[in-house]
Structure formats: C-alpha cells, structure tokens
Amino acid sequence: MNQLTIRGFDDELADRIRALARREGISLNRAVLRLLRRGAGLGDGSSGPDTVGDSLDHLIGTWTAAEGAEMGRALADLSQVDEAMWK
C-alpha cells in the first residue's frame, strides 16, 4: 500500500471531501481515494454486485404522476417470469 501526502487543496475541496465522507459514512481517506479514482477514470471503487449506480439520479422527481404511471405500464411485462425459460 502506497502513502502519498497532498498539499494545497482549498477549503471548498476539503468541504466536499468531508461531505462525501459524512454522506457515505466512510473515512476521509476513503473519500479522497474514491474521488481520486473517479477523477482518474478508474471508477469510484464503491460499486459491487449489489450497487445500482447513480447515473439516473438526475431524473429523480422530474416525472409527473402521469409519466410515472405510463412508464409503469410500459415496464409491467418485464415483471412477468416465463416459467418455461427456467426449466
């Protein structure tokens, strides 16, 4: 495991690191590593087999009730299991 000292980051960046650590319930070190990996294009290191991701988070709360109902109807067939395919 390598150790690296980073100097010169401003208060705004320090606040963002602390906010990420607090929000995710992780250490400051893990928060910094997550941000470094993401910035280097290596992913954020937090995803696993049970992680859904956040790429659609910007859509949360943007649909009307009618749009949500329409999407629900469009996806209804996907919730049906074809038993013949599992035999």
PDB file of N, CA and C in Angstrom:
ATOM      1  N   MET A   1       0.854  -1.175   0.000  1.00  0.00           N
ATOM      2  CA  MET A   1       0.000   0.000   0.000  1.00  0.00           C
ATOM      3  C   MET A   1       0.899   1.238   0.000  1.00  0.00           C
ATOM      4  N   ASN A   2       0.648   2.142  -0.914  1.00  0.00           N
ATOM      5  CA  ASN A   2       1.438   3.368  -1.011  1.00  0.00           C
ATOM      6  C   ASN A   2       0.862   4.468  -0.145  1.00  0.00           C
ATOM      7  N   GLN A   3       1.732   5.372   0.241  1.00  0.00           N
ATOM      8  CA  GLN A   3       1.315   6.540   1.009  1.00  0.00           C
ATOM      9  C   GLN A   3       1.717   7.768   0.221  1.00  0.00           C
ATOM     10  N   LEU A   4       0.846   8.772   0.216  1.00  0.00           N
ATOM     11  CA  LEU A   4       1.071   9.977  -0.553  1.00  0.00           C
ATOM     12  C   LEU A   4       0.563  11.157   0.253  1.00  0.00           C
ATOM     13  N   THR A   5       1.347  12.214   0.319  1.00  0.00           N
ATOM     14  CA  THR A   5       0.925  13.428   1.010  1.00  0.00           C
ATOM     15  C   THR A   5       0.484  14.440  -0.034  1.00  0.00           C
ATOM     16  N   ILE A   6      -0.690  15.012   0.170  1.00  0.00           N
ATOM     17  CA  ILE A   6      -1.224  16.001  -0.764  1.00  0.00           C
ATOM     18  C   ILE A   6      -1.351  17.327  -0.031  1.00  0.00           C
ATOM     19  N   ARG A   7      -0.809  18.355  -0.647  1.00  0.00           N
ATOM     20  CA  ARG A   7      -0.866  19.701  -0.060  1.00  0.00           C
ATOM     21  C   ARG A   7      -1.539  20.650  -1.047  1.00  0.00           C
ATOM     22  N   GLY A   8      -2.072  21.720  -0.518  1.00  0.00           N
ATOM     23  CA  GLY A   8      -2.535  22.812  -1.355  1.00  0.00           C
ATOM     24  C   GLY A   8      -3.983  22.757  -1.798  1.00  0.00           C
ATOM     25  N   PHE A   9      -4.787  21.856  -1.253  1.00  0.00           N
ATOM     26  CA  PHE A   9      -6.189  21.890  -1.654  1.00  0.00           C
ATOM     27  C   PHE A   9      -6.927  22.935  -0.830  1.00  0.00           C
ATOM     28  N   ASP A  10      -7.905  23.557  -1.474  1.00  0.00           N
ATOM     29  CA  ASP A  10      -8.601  24.688  -0.854  1.00  0.00           C
ATOM     30  C   ASP A  10      -9.739  24.234   0.064  1.00  0.00           C
ATOM     31  N   ASP A  11     -10.341  25.206   0.732  1.00  0.00           N
ATOM     32  CA  ASP A  11     -11.415  24.915   1.682  1.00  0.00           C
ATOM     33  C   ASP A  11     -12.631  24.283   1.010  1.00  0.00           C
ATOM     34  N   GLU A  12     -12.918  24.715  -0.214  1.00  0.00           N
ATOM     35  CA  GLU A  12     -14.072  24.167  -0.927  1.00  0.00           C
ATOM     36  C   GLU A  12     -13.893  22.667  -1.172  1.00  0.00           C
ATOM     37  N   LEU A  13     -12.704  22.267  -1.606  1.00  0.00           N
ATOM     38  CA  LEU A  13     -12.431  20.847  -1.831  1.00  0.00           C
ATOM     39  C   LEU A  13     -12.462  20.077  -0.517  1.00  0.00           C
ATOM     40  N   ALA A  14     -11.882  20.638   0.515  1.00  0.00           N
ATOM     41  CA  ALA A  14     -11.896  19.976   1.831  1.00  0.00           C
ATOM     42  C   ALA A  14     -13.335  19.779   2.315  1.00  0.00           C
ATOM     43  N   ASP A  15     -14.182  20.779   2.081  1.00  0.00           N
ATOM     44  CA  ASP A  15     -15.593  20.659   2.472  1.00  0.00           C
ATOM     45  C   ASP A  15     -16.296  19.560   1.692  1.00  0.00           C
ATOM     46  N   ARG A  16     -15.991  19.442   0.404  1.00  0.00           N
ATOM     47  CA  ARG A  16     -16.610  18.403  -0.423  1.00  0.00           C
ATOM     48  C   ARG A  16     -16.162  17.014   0.038  1.00  0.00           C
ATOM     49  N   ILE A  17     -14.893  16.900   0.380  1.00  0.00           N
ATOM     50  CA  ILE A  17     -14.378  15.609   0.863  1.00  0.00           C
ATOM     51  C   ILE A  17     -15.069  15.228   2.163  1.00  0.00           C
ATOM     52  N   ARG A  18     -15.169  16.177   3.069  1.00  0.00           N
ATOM     53  CA  ARG A  18     -15.839  15.906   4.353  1.00  0.00           C
ATOM     54  C   ARG A  18     -17.311  15.557   4.148  1.00  0.00           C
ATOM     55  N   ALA A  19     -17.967  16.258   3.226  1.00  0.00           N
ATOM     56  CA  ALA A  19     -19.386  15.989   2.954  1.00  0.00           C
ATOM     57  C   ALA A  19     -19.570  14.581   2.386  1.00  0.00           C
ATOM     58  N   LEU A  20     -18.695  14.180   1.467  1.00  0.00           N
ATOM     59  CA  LEU A  20     -18.773  12.834   0.908  1.00  0.00           C
ATOM     60  C   LEU A  20     -18.572  11.790   2.004  1.00  0.00           C
ATOM     61  N   ALA A  21     -17.567  11.995   2.836  1.00  0.00           N
ATOM     62  CA  ALA A  21     -17.282  11.052   3.917  1.00  0.00           C
ATOM     63  C   ALA A  21     -18.470  10.940   4.869  1.00  0.00           C
ATOM     64  N   ARG A  22     -19.052  12.064   5.200  1.00  0.00           N
ATOM     65  CA  ARG A  22     -20.199  12.077   6.118  1.00  0.00           C
ATOM     66  C   ARG A  22     -21.409  11.397   5.469  1.00  0.00           C
ATOM     67  N   ARG A  23     -21.688  11.747   4.215  1.00  0.00           N
ATOM     68  CA  ARG A  23     -22.844  11.207   3.500  1.00  0.00           C
ATOM     69  C   ARG A  23     -22.734   9.691   3.317  1.00  0.00           C
ATOM     70  N   GLU A  24     -21.537   9.200   2.998  1.00  0.00           N
ATOM     71  CA  GLU A  24     -21.332   7.783   2.738  1.00  0.00           C
ATOM     72  C   GLU A  24     -20.963   6.998   3.993  1.00  0.00           C
ATOM     73  N   GLY A  25     -20.708   7.698   5.096  1.00  0.00           N
ATOM     74  CA  GLY A  25     -20.313   7.021   6.324  1.00  0.00           C
ATOM     75  C   GLY A  25     -18.949   6.363   6.210  1.00  0.00           C
ATOM     76  N   ILE A  26     -18.017   7.030   5.511  1.00  0.00           N
ATOM     77  CA  ILE A  26     -16.675   6.494   5.302  1.00  0.00           C
ATOM     78  C   ILE A  26     -15.640   7.462   5.859  1.00  0.00           C
ATOM     79  N   SER A  27     -14.411   7.008   5.954  1.00  0.00           N
ATOM     80  CA  SER A  27     -13.334   7.861   6.459  1.00  0.00           C
ATOM     81  C   SER A  27     -12.965   8.919   5.419  1.00  0.00           C
ATOM     82  N   LEU A  28     -12.284   9.964   5.868  1.00  0.00           N
ATOM     83  CA  LEU A  28     -11.793  10.980   4.943  1.00  0.00           C
ATOM     84  C   LEU A  28     -10.848  10.363   3.927  1.00  0.00           C
ATOM     85  N   ASN A  29     -10.011   9.437   4.374  1.00  0.00           N
ATOM     86  CA  ASN A  29      -9.078   8.778   3.470  1.00  0.00           C
ATOM     87  C   ASN A  29      -9.817   8.045   2.357  1.00  0.00           C
ATOM     88  N   ARG A  30     -10.846   7.278   2.720  1.00  0.00           N
ATOM     89  CA  ARG A  30     -11.625   6.560   1.704  1.00  0.00           C
ATOM     90  C   ARG A  30     -12.320   7.529   0.757  1.00  0.00           C
ATOM     91  N   ALA A  31     -12.816   8.637   1.291  1.00  0.00           N
ATOM     92  CA  ALA A  31     -13.481   9.636   0.447  1.00  0.00           C
ATOM     93  C   ALA A  31     -12.504  10.213  -0.574  1.00  0.00           C
ATOM     94  N   VAL A  32     -11.293  10.521  -0.135  1.00  0.00           N
ATOM     95  CA  VAL A  32     -10.276  11.055  -1.047  1.00  0.00           C
ATOM     96  C   VAL A  32      -9.912  10.018  -2.107  1.00  0.00           C
ATOM     97  N   LEU A  33      -9.714   8.777  -1.689  1.00  0.00           N
ATOM     98  CA  LEU A  33      -9.383   7.721  -2.646  1.00  0.00           C
ATOM     99  C   LEU A  33     -10.499   7.535  -3.667  1.00  0.00           C
ATOM    100  N   ARG A  34     -11.739   7.578  -3.219  1.00  0.00           N
ATOM    101  CA  ARG A  34     -12.869   7.434  -4.125  1.00  0.00           C
ATOM    102  C   ARG A  34     -12.873   8.549  -5.168  1.00  0.00           C
ATOM    103  N   LEU A  35     -12.637   9.777  -4.710  1.00  0.00           N
ATOM    104  CA  LEU A  35     -12.616  10.915  -5.633  1.00  0.00           C
ATOM    105  C   LEU A  35     -11.430  10.848  -6.586  1.00  0.00           C
ATOM    106  N   LEU A  36     -10.279  10.421  -6.093  1.00  0.00           N
ATOM    107  CA  LEU A  36      -9.108  10.286  -6.963  1.00  0.00           C
ATOM    108  C   LEU A  36      -9.335   9.235  -8.044  1.00  0.00           C
ATOM    109  N   ARG A  37      -9.893   8.091  -7.656  1.00  0.00           N
ATOM    110  CA  ARG A  37     -10.162   7.038  -8.632  1.00  0.00           C
ATOM    111  C   ARG A  37     -11.163   7.511  -9.681  1.00  0.00           C
ATOM    112  N   ARG A  38     -12.188   8.178  -9.233  1.00  0.00           N
ATOM    113  CA  ARG A  38     -13.198   8.687 -10.164  1.00  0.00           C
ATOM    114  C   ARG A  38     -12.565   9.696 -11.124  1.00  0.00           C
ATOM    115  N   GLY A  39     -11.762  10.602 -10.597  1.00  0.00           N
ATOM    116  CA  GLY A  39     -11.105  11.606 -11.418  1.00  0.00           C
ATOM    117  C   GLY A  39     -10.111  11.017 -12.400  1.00  0.00           C
ATOM    118  N   ALA A  40      -9.520   9.883 -12.041  1.00  0.00           N
ATOM    119  CA  ALA A  40      -8.551   9.222 -12.916  1.00  0.00           C
ATOM    120  C   ALA A  40      -9.231   8.288 -13.921  1.00  0.00           C
ATOM    121  N   GLY A  41     -10.565   8.253 -13.891  1.00  0.00           N
ATOM    122  CA  GLY A  41     -11.290   7.397 -14.822  1.00  0.00           C
ATOM    123  C   GLY A  41     -11.256   5.935 -14.460  1.00  0.00           C
ATOM    124  N   LEU A  42     -11.013   5.627 -13.197  1.00  0.00           N
ATOM    125  CA  LEU A  42     -10.924   4.239 -12.739  1.00  0.00           C
ATOM    126  C   LEU A  42     -12.178   3.790 -12.000  1.00  0.00           C
ATOM    127  N   GLY A  43     -13.246   4.547 -12.081  1.00  0.00           N
ATOM    128  CA  GLY A  43     -14.429   4.243 -11.288  1.00  0.00           C
ATOM    129  C   GLY A  43     -14.206   4.791  -9.896  1.00  0.00           C
ATOM    130  N   ASP A  44     -15.196   4.643  -9.048  1.00  0.00           N
ATOM    131  CA  ASP A  44     -15.038   5.209  -7.706  1.00  0.00           C
ATOM    132  C   ASP A  44     -14.717   4.179  -6.647  1.00  0.00           C
ATOM    133  N   GLY A  45     -14.626   2.921  -7.034  1.00  0.00           N
ATOM    134  CA  GLY A  45     -14.254   1.886  -6.079  1.00  0.00           C
ATOM    135  C   GLY A  45     -15.355   1.506  -5.120  1.00  0.00           C
ATOM    136  N   SER A  46     -16.543   2.101  -5.271  1.00  0.00           N
ATOM    137  CA  SER A  46     -17.617   1.800  -4.332  1.00  0.00           C
ATOM    138  C   SER A  46     -18.626   0.816  -4.889  1.00  0.00           C
ATOM    139  N   SER A  47     -18.526   0.513  -6.179  1.00  0.00           N
ATOM    140  CA  SER A  47     -19.537  -0.350  -6.767  1.00  0.00           C
ATOM    141  C   SER A  47     -19.192  -1.819  -6.563  1.00  0.00           C
ATOM    142  N   GLY A  48     -20.207  -2.563  -6.335  1.00  0.00           N
ATOM    143  CA  GLY A  48     -20.085  -4.005  -6.165  1.00  0.00           C
ATOM    144  C   GLY A  48     -21.274  -4.663  -6.822  1.00  0.00           C
ATOM    145  N   PRO A  49     -21.460  -5.940  -6.594  1.00  0.00           N
ATOM    146  CA  PRO A  49     -22.555  -6.642  -7.258  1.00  0.00           C
ATOM    147  C   PRO A  49     -23.936  -6.135  -6.855  1.00  0.00           C
ATOM    148  N   ASP A  50     -24.057  -5.512  -5.696  1.00  0.00           N
ATOM    149  CA  ASP A  50     -25.355  -5.018  -5.239  1.00  0.00           C
ATOM    150  C   ASP A  50     -25.537  -3.522  -5.478  1.00  0.00           C
ATOM    151  N   THR A  51     -24.586  -2.896  -6.145  1.00  0.00           N
ATOM    152  CA  THR A  51     -24.652  -1.461  -6.379  1.00  0.00           C
ATOM    153  C   THR A  51     -25.396  -1.172  -7.672  1.00  0.00           C
ATOM    154  N   VAL A  52     -26.370  -0.302  -7.590  1.00  0.00           N
ATOM    155  CA  VAL A  52     -27.160   0.062  -8.753  1.00  0.00           C
ATOM    156  C   VAL A  52     -26.475   1.168  -9.531  1.00  0.00           C
ATOM    157  N   GLY A  53     -25.928   2.143  -8.855  1.00  0.00           N
ATOM    158  CA  GLY A  53     -25.293   3.271  -9.523  1.00  0.00           C
ATOM    159  C   GLY A  53     -26.129   4.531  -9.389  1.00  0.00           C
ATOM    160  N   ASP A  54     -25.586   5.613  -9.874  1.00  0.00           N
ATOM    161  CA  ASP A  54     -26.274   6.891  -9.721  1.00  0.00           C
ATOM    162  C   ASP A  54     -26.428   7.649 -11.033  1.00  0.00           C
ATOM    163  N   SER A  55     -26.263   6.958 -12.152  1.00  0.00           N
ATOM    164  CA  SER A  55     -26.278   7.638 -13.444  1.00  0.00           C
ATOM    165  C   SER A  55     -27.644   8.217 -13.805  1.00  0.00           C
ATOM    166  N   LEU A  56     -28.698   7.758 -13.170  1.00  0.00           N
ATOM    167  CA  LEU A  56     -30.035   8.282 -13.455  1.00  0.00           C
ATOM    168  C   LEU A  56     -30.578   9.158 -12.331  1.00  0.00           C
ATOM    169  N   ASP A  57     -29.766   9.446 -11.336  1.00  0.00           N
ATOM    170  CA  ASP A  57     -30.225  10.228 -10.194  1.00  0.00           C
ATOM    171  C   ASP A  57     -30.759  11.606 -10.584  1.00  0.00           C
ATOM    172  N   HIS A  58     -30.229  12.170 -11.651  1.00  0.00           N
ATOM    173  CA  HIS A  58     -30.692  13.494 -12.067  1.00  0.00           C
ATOM    174  C   HIS A  58     -32.153  13.487 -12.525  1.00  0.00           C
ATOM    175  N   LEU A  59     -32.712  12.314 -12.759  1.00  0.00           N
ATOM    176  CA  LEU A  59     -34.107  12.200 -13.179  1.00  0.00           C
ATOM    177  C   LEU A  59     -35.080  12.069 -12.014  1.00  0.00           C
ATOM    178  N   ILE A  60     -34.570  11.816 -10.831  1.00  0.00           N
ATOM    179  CA  ILE A  60     -35.438  11.605  -9.675  1.00  0.00           C
ATOM    180  C   ILE A  60     -36.284  12.851  -9.430  1.00  0.00           C
ATOM    181  N   GLY A  61     -37.580  12.643  -9.348  1.00  0.00           N
ATOM    182  CA  GLY A  61     -38.503  13.727  -9.061  1.00  0.00           C
ATOM    183  C   GLY A  61     -38.850  14.600 -10.250  1.00  0.00           C
ATOM    184  N   THR A  62     -38.443  14.220 -11.461  1.00  0.00           N
ATOM    185  CA  THR A  62     -38.705  15.076 -12.616  1.00  0.00           C
ATOM    186  C   THR A  62     -39.944  14.667 -13.403  1.00  0.00           C
ATOM    187  N   TRP A  63     -40.448  13.453 -13.209  1.00  0.00           N
ATOM    188  CA  TRP A  63     -41.619  12.995 -13.948  1.00  0.00           C
ATOM    189  C   TRP A  63     -42.904  13.398 -13.244  1.00  0.00           C
ATOM    190  N   THR A  64     -43.923  13.626 -14.036  1.00  0.00           N
ATOM    191  CA  THR A  64     -45.247  13.846 -13.463  1.00  0.00           C
ATOM    192  C   THR A  64     -45.813  12.486 -13.065  1.00  0.00           C
ATOM    193  N   ALA A  65     -46.910  12.497 -12.319  1.00  0.00           N
ATOM    194  CA  ALA A  65     -47.557  11.247 -11.928  1.00  0.00           C
ATOM    195  C   ALA A  65     -48.011  10.473 -13.167  1.00  0.00           C
ATOM    196  N   ALA A  66     -48.490  11.183 -14.166  1.00  0.00           N
ATOM    197  CA  ALA A  66     -48.952  10.528 -15.398  1.00  0.00           C
ATOM    198  C   ALA A  66     -47.781   9.863 -16.131  1.00  0.00           C
ATOM    199  N   GLU A  67     -46.638  10.537 -16.186  1.00  0.00           N
ATOM    200  CA  GLU A  67     -45.461   9.959 -16.838  1.00  0.00           C
ATOM    201  C   GLU A  67     -44.972   8.721 -16.086  1.00  0.00           C
ATOM    202  N   GLY A  68     -45.013   8.783 -14.767  1.00  0.00           N
ATOM    203  CA  GLY A  68     -44.612   7.636 -13.964  1.00  0.00           C
ATOM    204  C   GLY A  68     -45.538   6.452 -14.177  1.00  0.00           C
ATOM    205  N   ALA A  69     -46.839   6.721 -14.243  1.00  0.00           N
ATOM    206  CA  ALA A  69     -47.809   5.649 -14.488  1.00  0.00           C
ATOM    207  C   ALA A  69     -47.613   5.046 -15.870  1.00  0.00           C
ATOM    208  N   GLU A  70     -47.342   5.894 -16.860  1.00  0.00           N
ATOM    209  CA  GLU A  70     -47.101   5.401 -18.221  1.00  0.00           C
ATOM    210  C   GLU A  70     -45.871   4.493 -18.263  1.00  0.00           C
ATOM    211  N   MET A  71     -44.806   4.880 -17.575  1.00  0.00           N
ATOM    212  CA  MET A  71     -43.603   4.056 -17.526  1.00  0.00           C
ATOM    213  C   MET A  71     -43.903   2.735 -16.812  1.00  0.00           C
ATOM    214  N   GLY A  72     -44.673   2.782 -15.744  1.00  0.00           N
ATOM    215  CA  GLY A  72     -45.047   1.572 -15.031  1.00  0.00           C
ATOM    216  C   GLY A  72     -45.791   0.599 -15.921  1.00  0.00           C
ATOM    217  N   ARG A  73     -46.706   1.130 -16.729  1.00  0.00           N
ATOM    218  CA  ARG A  73     -47.448   0.272 -17.663  1.00  0.00           C
ATOM    219  C   ARG A  73     -46.505  -0.310 -18.721  1.00  0.00           C
ATOM    220  N   ALA A  74     -45.579   0.500 -19.209  1.00  0.00           N
ATOM    221  CA  ALA A  74     -44.647   0.037 -20.240  1.00  0.00           C
ATOM    222  C   ALA A  74     -43.727  -1.066 -19.717  1.00  0.00           C
ATOM    223  N   LEU A  75     -43.415  -1.028 -18.427  1.00  0.00           N
ATOM    224  CA  LEU A  75     -42.492  -1.999 -17.842  1.00  0.00           C
ATOM    225  C   LEU A  75     -43.193  -3.199 -17.207  1.00  0.00           C
ATOM    226  N   ALA A  76     -44.507  -3.186 -17.171  1.00  0.00           N
ATOM    227  CA  ALA A  76     -45.263  -4.239 -16.482  1.00  0.00           C
ATOM    228  C   ALA A  76     -44.921  -5.627 -17.016  1.00  0.00           C
ATOM    229  N   ASP A  77     -44.776  -5.764 -18.327  1.00  0.00           N
ATOM    230  CA  ASP A  77     -44.467  -7.080 -18.902  1.00  0.00           C
ATOM    231  C   ASP A  77     -43.122  -7.615 -18.420  1.00  0.00           C
ATOM    232  N   LEU A  78     -42.217  -6.733 -18.059  1.00  0.00           N
ATOM    233  CA  LEU A  78     -40.894  -7.171 -17.620  1.00  0.00           C
ATOM    234  C   LEU A  78     -40.912  -7.831 -16.252  1.00  0.00           C
ATOM    235  N   SER A  79     -41.988  -7.665 -15.509  1.00  0.00           N
ATOM    236  CA  SER A  79     -42.064  -8.275 -14.183  1.00  0.00           C
ATOM    237  C   SER A  79     -42.651  -9.690 -14.238  1.00  0.00           C
ATOM    238  N   GLN A  80     -43.069 -10.126 -15.412  1.00  0.00           N
ATOM    239  CA  GLN A  80     -43.619 -11.466 -15.574  1.00  0.00           C
ATOM    240  C   GLN A  80     -42.495 -12.464 -15.830  1.00  0.00           C
ATOM    241  N   VAL A  81     -42.474 -13.549 -15.077  1.00  0.00           N
ATOM    242  CA  VAL A  81     -41.464 -14.590 -15.243  1.00  0.00           C
ATOM    243  C   VAL A  81     -42.005 -15.657 -16.175  1.00  0.00           C
ATOM    244  N   ASP A  82     -41.257 -15.977 -17.202  1.00  0.00           N
ATOM    245  CA  ASP A  82     -41.616 -17.052 -18.125  1.00  0.00           C
ATOM    246  C   ASP A  82     -41.061 -18.351 -17.536  1.00  0.00           C
ATOM    247  N   GLU A  83     -41.934 -19.116 -16.898  1.00  0.00           N
ATOM    248  CA  GLU A  83     -41.516 -20.346 -16.204  1.00  0.00           C
ATOM    249  C   GLU A  83     -40.841 -21.337 -17.146  1.00  0.00           C
ATOM    250  N   ALA A  84     -41.256 -21.367 -18.406  1.00  0.00           N
ATOM    251  CA  ALA A  84     -40.670 -22.312 -19.361  1.00  0.00           C
ATOM    252  C   ALA A  84     -39.189 -22.039 -19.595  1.00  0.00           C
ATOM    253  N   MET A  85     -38.780 -20.810 -19.438  1.00  0.00           N
ATOM    254  CA  MET A  85     -37.368 -20.466 -19.660  1.00  0.00           C
ATOM    255  C   MET A  85     -36.486 -20.920 -18.495  1.00  0.00           C
ATOM    256  N   TRP A  86     -37.068 -21.250 -17.363  1.00  0.00           N
ATOM    257  CA  TRP A  86     -36.298 -21.603 -16.175  1.00  0.00           C
ATOM    258  C   TRP A  86     -36.290 -23.096 -15.916  1.00  0.00           C
ATOM    259  N   LYS A  87     -36.717 -23.868 -16.860  1.00  0.00           N
ATOM    260  CA  LYS A  87     -36.754 -25.330 -16.675  1.00  0.00           C
ATOM    261  C   LYS A  87     -35.626 -25.972 -17.453  1.00  0.00           C
TER     262      LYS A  87
END
